[in-house]
Structures are given as structure tokens and as C-alpha cells.
C-alpha atoms as a PDB file:
ATOM      1  CA  MET A   1     106.908 127.837 107.286  1.00  0.00           C
ATOM      2  CA  PHE A   2     107.088 131.651 107.249  1.00  0.00           C
ATOM      3  CA  TRP A   3     108.641 134.541 105.212  1.00  0.00           C
ATOM      4  CA  THR A   4     111.701 136.618 106.470  1.00  0.00           C
ATOM      5  CA  ASP A   5     113.961 139.221 105.126  1.00  0.00           C
ATOM      6  CA  LEU A   6     111.162 140.779 102.874  1.00  0.00           C
ATOM      7  CA  THR A   7     113.197 143.190 100.647  1.00  0.00           C
ATOM      8  CA  SER A   8     112.055 145.703  97.938  1.00  0.00           C
ATOM      9  CA  HIS A   9     113.999 146.082  94.868  1.00  0.00           C
ATOM     10  CA  ALA A  10     114.005 148.062  91.664  1.00  0.00           C
ATOM     11  CA  CYS A  11     111.023 149.204  89.719  1.00  0.00           C
ATOM     12  CA  THR A  12     110.571 146.693  86.807  1.00  0.00           C
ATOM     13  CA  THR A  13     107.844 148.352  84.736  1.00  0.00           C
ATOM     14  CA  TYR A  14     105.130 150.976  85.004  1.00  0.00           C
ATOM     15  CA  ALA A  15     103.950 151.224  88.688  1.00  0.00           C
ATOM     16  CA  THR A  16     105.568 147.907  89.482  1.00  0.00           C
ATOM     17  CA  ARG A  17     108.260 146.989  91.970  1.00  0.00           C
ATOM     18  CA  GLU A  18     110.020 143.585  92.516  1.00  0.00           C
ATOM     19  CA  TYR A  19     110.089 142.194  96.114  1.00  0.00           C
ATOM     20  CA  THR A  20     111.936 139.077  97.445  1.00  0.00           C
ATOM     21  CA  ALA A  21     111.812 137.167 100.757  1.00  0.00           C
ATOM     22  CA  ARG A  22     113.207 133.862 102.204  1.00  0.00           C
ATOM     23  CA  LEU A  23     110.781 131.024 103.110  1.00  0.00           C
ATOM     24  CA  VAL A  24     112.214 129.533 106.399  1.00  0.00           C
ATOM     25  CA  ASN A  25     111.263 126.750 108.894  1.00  0.00           C
ATOM     26  CA  ILE A  26     110.748 124.145 105.997  1.00  0.00           C
ATOM     27  CA  PRO A  27     111.426 120.706 107.172  1.00  0.00           C
ATOM     28  CA  SER A  28     114.773 119.495 105.928  1.00  0.00           C
ATOM     29  CA  TYR A  29     113.277 116.194 104.400  1.00  0.00           C
ATOM     30  CA  TYR A  30     110.586 118.178 102.557  1.00  0.00           C
ATOM     31  CA  ASN A  31     111.278 117.884  98.832  1.00  0.00           C
ATOM     32  CA  ARG A  32     108.475 120.132  97.505  1.00  0.00           C
ATOM     33  CA  ARG A  33     110.006 123.490  98.728  1.00  0.00           C
ATOM     34  CA  VAL A  34     109.175 125.251  95.409  1.00  0.00           C
ATOM     35  CA  GLU A  35     105.532 124.299  95.435  1.00  0.00           C
ATOM     36  CA  ALA A  36     105.307 125.288  99.161  1.00  0.00           C
ATOM     37  CA  CYS A  37     106.934 128.684  98.348  1.00  0.00           C
ATOM     38  CA  MET A  38     104.365 129.226  95.390  1.00  0.00           C
ATOM     39  CA  ALA A  39     101.435 128.692  97.777  1.00  0.00           C
ATOM     40  CA  ALA A  40     102.577 130.771 100.527  1.00  0.00           C
ATOM     41  CA  PRO A  41     101.368 134.318 100.735  1.00  0.00           C
ATOM     42  CA  VAL A  42     103.138 137.405 102.064  1.00  0.00           C
ATOM     43  CA  LYS A  43     101.680 140.636 102.965  1.00  0.00           C
ATOM     44  CA  ILE A  44     102.966 143.778 101.123  1.00  0.00           C
ATOM     45  CA  HIS A  45     101.252 147.285 101.657  1.00  0.00           C
ATOM     46  CA  GLY A  46      98.537 145.371 103.659  1.00  0.00           C
ATOM     47  CA  VAL A  47      97.699 142.999 100.729  1.00  0.00           C
ATOM     48  CA  GLU A  48      98.420 139.328 100.487  1.00  0.00           C
ATOM     49  CA  TYR A  49     100.501 138.158  97.349  1.00  0.00           C
ATOM     50  CA  THR A  50     101.694 134.790  96.363  1.00  0.00           C
ATOM     51  CA  PRO A  51     105.061 134.703  94.595  1.00  0.00           C
ATOM     52  CA  LYS A  52     105.409 135.075  90.923  1.00  0.00           C
ATOM     53  CA  TRP A  53     108.256 132.554  90.967  1.00  0.00           C
ATOM     54  CA  CYS A  54     110.559 130.828  93.458  1.00  0.00           C
ATOM     55  CA  GLU A  55     114.163 129.746  93.694  1.00  0.00           C
ATOM     56  CA  ASP A  56     115.220 126.713  95.789  1.00  0.00           C
ATOM     57  CA  HIS A  57     118.828 127.009  97.089  1.00  0.00           C
ATOM     58  CA  GLY A  58     118.325 124.249  99.646  1.00  0.00           C
ATOM     59  CA  PRO A  59     116.498 123.982 103.081  1.00  0.00           C
ATOM     60  CA  ASN A  60     115.742 127.392 104.765  1.00  0.00           C
ATOM     61  CA  ASN A  61     117.030 129.074 101.538  1.00  0.00           C
ATOM     62  CA  VAL A  62     114.007 129.292  99.263  1.00  0.00           C
ATOM     63  CA  ILE A  63     113.547 132.695  97.770  1.00  0.00           C
ATOM     64  CA  GLY A  64     110.221 134.039  96.611  1.00  0.00           C
ATOM     65  CA  HIS A  65     109.943 136.751  93.993  1.00  0.00           C
ATOM     66  CA  TRP A  66     106.913 139.156  93.746  1.00  0.00           C
ATOM     67  CA  GLU A  67     106.115 141.756  91.161  1.00  0.00           C
ATOM     68  CA  VAL A  68     103.775 144.277  93.072  1.00  0.00           C
ATOM     69  CA  ASN A  69     101.860 146.702  90.897  1.00  0.00           C
ATOM     70  CA  GLN A  70      99.773 148.403  93.744  1.00  0.00           C
ATOM     71  CA  HIS A  71     100.818 151.322  95.935  1.00  0.00           C
ATOM     72  CA  GLU A  72     104.186 151.867  94.170  1.00  0.00           C
ATOM     73  CA  PRO A  73     104.033 155.624  93.335  1.00  0.00           C
ATOM     74  CA  ASP A  74     107.856 155.857  93.018  1.00  0.00           C
ATOM     75  CA  CYS A  75     107.620 153.495  89.962  1.00  0.00           C
ATOM     76  CA  ALA A  76     104.838 155.554  88.170  1.00  0.00           C
ATOM     77  CA  SER A  77     106.211 157.283  85.054  1.00  0.00           C
ATOM     78  CA  TYR A  78     104.132 159.511  83.093  1.00  0.00           C
ATOM     79  CA  TRP A  79     103.675 161.293  79.690  1.00  0.00           C
ATOM     80  CA  ILE A  80     103.988 165.009  79.264  1.00  0.00           C
ATOM     81  CA  TRP A  81     104.617 167.427  76.348  1.00  0.00           C
ATOM     82  CA  TYR A  82     101.913 166.118  74.020  1.00  0.00           C
ATOM     83  CA  LYS A  83     102.861 166.793  70.347  1.00  0.00           C
ATOM     84  CA  ASP A  84     100.548 166.172  67.321  1.00  0.00           C
ATOM     85  CA  PHE A  85     102.860 166.058  64.251  1.00  0.00           C
ATOM     86  CA  GLY A  86      99.736 166.053  61.978  1.00  0.00           C
ATOM     87  CA  CYS A  87      99.109 163.694  59.045  1.00  0.00           C
ATOM     88  CA  ILE A  88     102.135 161.395  58.171  1.00  0.00           C
ATOM     89  CA  SER A  89     101.555 162.312  54.452  1.00  0.00           C
ATOM     90  CA  PRO A  90      98.728 163.566  52.342  1.00  0.00           C
ATOM     91  CA  GLY A  91      96.120 160.900  51.877  1.00  0.00           C
ATOM     92  CA  SER A  92      97.815 158.408  54.295  1.00  0.00           C
ATOM     93  CA  GLY A  93      94.737 158.372  56.525  1.00  0.00           C
ATOM     94  CA  GLN A  94      97.195 158.334  59.615  1.00  0.00           C
ATOM     95  CA  ARG A  95      98.342 160.889  62.145  1.00  0.00           C
ATOM     96  CA  ARG A  96     101.494 160.907  64.359  1.00  0.00           C
ATOM     97  CA  ILE A  97     101.550 161.773  67.831  1.00  0.00           C
ATOM     98  CA  GLU A  98     104.522 161.926  70.295  1.00  0.00           C
ATOM     99  CA  HIS A  99     104.751 162.328  74.055  1.00  0.00           C
ATOM    100  CA  TYR A 100     107.782 162.791  76.349  1.00  0.00           C
ATOM    101  CA  LEU A 101     108.135 160.262  79.107  1.00  0.00           C
ATOM    102  CA  GLU A 102     108.785 161.873  82.685  1.00  0.00           C
ATOM    103  CA  ASN A 103     109.798 160.172  86.014  1.00  0.00           C
ATOM    104  CA  ILE A 104     111.479 156.977  84.793  1.00  0.00           C
ATOM    105  CA  PRO A 105     112.858 155.455  88.050  1.00  0.00           C
ATOM    106  CA  SER A 106     116.666 155.398  88.478  1.00  0.00           C
ATOM    107  CA  GLY A 107     117.955 152.241  87.018  1.00  0.00           C
ATOM    108  CA  GLY A 108     114.723 151.673  85.166  1.00  0.00           C
ATOM    109  CA  ASP A 109     114.679 150.377  81.583  1.00  0.00           C
ATOM    110  CA  TRP A 110     113.446 153.152  79.490  1.00  0.00           C
ATOM    111  CA  LYS A 111     112.053 150.830  76.828  1.00  0.00           C
ATOM    112  CA  GLU A 112     110.089 148.898  79.356  1.00  0.00           C
ATOM    113  CA  PHE A 113     108.584 151.999  81.016  1.00  0.00           C
ATOM    114  CA  CYS A 114     107.784 153.599  77.578  1.00  0.00           C
ATOM    115  CA  ALA A 115     105.947 150.366  76.480  1.00  0.00           C
ATOM    116  CA  THR A 116     103.893 150.032  79.645  1.00  0.00           C
ATOM    117  CA  THR A 117     103.126 153.510  80.806  1.00  0.00           C
ATOM    118  CA  PRO A 118      99.549 154.195  79.901  1.00  0.00           C
ATOM    119  CA  ALA A 119      98.517 157.170  77.852  1.00  0.00           C
ATOM    120  CA  SER A 120      95.085 158.798  76.986  1.00  0.00           C
ATOM    121  CA  PHE A 121      94.672 161.329  74.283  1.00  0.00           C
ATOM    122  CA  ARG A 122      92.189 162.110  71.456  1.00  0.00           C
ATOM    123  CA  GLY A 123      89.396 160.051  73.127  1.00  0.00           C
ATOM    124  CA  MET A 124      91.592 156.971  73.171  1.00  0.00           C
ATOM    125  CA  HIS A 125      93.501 154.961  75.796  1.00  0.00           C
ATOM    126  CA  PHE A 126      96.775 153.034  75.249  1.00  0.00           C
ATOM    127  CA  THR A 127      98.567 150.702  77.714  1.00  0.00           C
ATOM    128  CA  GLY A 128     101.848 152.106  76.326  1.00  0.00           C
ATOM    129  CA  ALA A 129     103.582 153.649  73.269  1.00  0.00           C
ATOM    130  CA  GLN A 130     103.427 151.881  70.073  1.00  0.00           C
ATOM    131  CA  PHE A 131     107.048 152.819  69.265  1.00  0.00           C
ATOM    132  CA  CYS A 132     109.722 154.138  71.775  1.00  0.00           C
ATOM    133  CA  PHE A 133     112.872 156.094  71.150  1.00  0.00           C
ATOM    134  CA  ASN A 134     115.501 157.902  73.073  1.00  0.00           C
ATOM    135  CA  LYS A 135     116.729 161.271  71.784  1.00  0.00           C
ATOM    136  CA  ASN A 136     118.994 163.693  73.642  1.00  0.00           C
ATOM    137  CA  GLN A 137     118.878 161.548  76.699  1.00  0.00           C
ATOM    138  CA  ALA A 138     115.167 161.683  76.714  1.00  0.00           C
ATOM    139  CA  THR A 139     112.559 158.960  76.205  1.00  0.00           C
ATOM    140  CA  TRP A 140     109.690 159.559  73.734  1.00  0.00           C
ATOM    141  CA  GLY A 141     106.641 157.493  72.776  1.00  0.00           C
ATOM    142  CA  HIS A 142     105.203 157.503  69.369  1.00  0.00           C
ATOM    143  CA  TRP A 143     101.828 156.648  68.151  1.00  0.00           C
ATOM    144  CA  VAL A 144     100.472 156.503  64.575  1.00  0.00           C
ATOM    145  CA  LEU A 145      96.631 156.591  64.585  1.00  0.00           C
ATOM    146  CA  ASP A 146      94.022 156.138  61.834  1.00  0.00           C
ATOM    147  CA  ASP A 147      92.491 159.625  61.144  1.00  0.00           C
ATOM    148  CA  GLU A 148      89.875 160.115  58.511  1.00  0.00           C
ATOM    149  CA  SER A 149      90.819 163.831  58.214  1.00  0.00           C
ATOM    150  CA  CYS A 150      94.238 162.626  56.948  1.00  0.00           C
ATOM    151  CA  LYS A 151      92.707 160.964  53.805  1.00  0.00           C
END
């Protein structure tokens, strides 16, 4: 058994791209094609990956799916235009921060990229925005942080 027709597809989330390939040379009588697919690694960017999921469409038509999150710079969105809106209200103990999200890949889901693009500011690290919104065809991330100076 071996993989053929390895194809890259759209970016699915921050720094992650989907790939597919077809597993061929599976004996026609073999009835555990999905298990064989899930166990068969493929090399992408010099690294071996096993599929995240497989589809069985019959002998010589088993499709493996990978989500590769290494060496995918075209899928890497990033935050710019940091804006500190100050305390939410006097005595709230919370501060509002917003960032503009740049470099969302063509066809990418802005909500998914907003939720998964990491951000670091004010000495903290986040795996994505707490809230996301689209305004004037731009994607913004929104954070509400505890802040003693806002009490």
C-alpha cells in the first residue's frame, strides 16, 4: 500500500492547511481499509504524518485527510493595530483591548482564524481572541482583561 495524488488544499485555521491523498494497492478482499489508511504515514514537508481521518470509497479509492500545522506560512494570520480602549467602566476592574487581524488566507473563515491566531500583549499570551467581529470588511479581535487599575 502507498499514497498517491498528495494534494494541498485551503488553510483551515491559523498556520494549518488540509492535505489529501489516495491510498492505493490495497488488496480488493481487504475489509479494513480505513484502519490501514489511519496507520499509513505520508511525508509532507519532510515530516511523516498519519491521517486525521479517512474515507473509504472502495478498493484503491481510500482518501486520507491531514491537517498540517508546520511549515505553512501562507496560512499564518497575525494581529496588528493594537488598541487599548481603557477601562470598560469606572470600578469594573476590567480593560478592553482590540487588535486588527491581517493576512487571512483567501477563502479562510475569518471567525476561525480570529479564534486561533495567537496574540501576546501586556505580558500575557492568548491562543486567539476572546471575541471576534467583522467591521467594514475587516476582522477584529477583542479581549476583556482583569485590571486592578480599573477598580
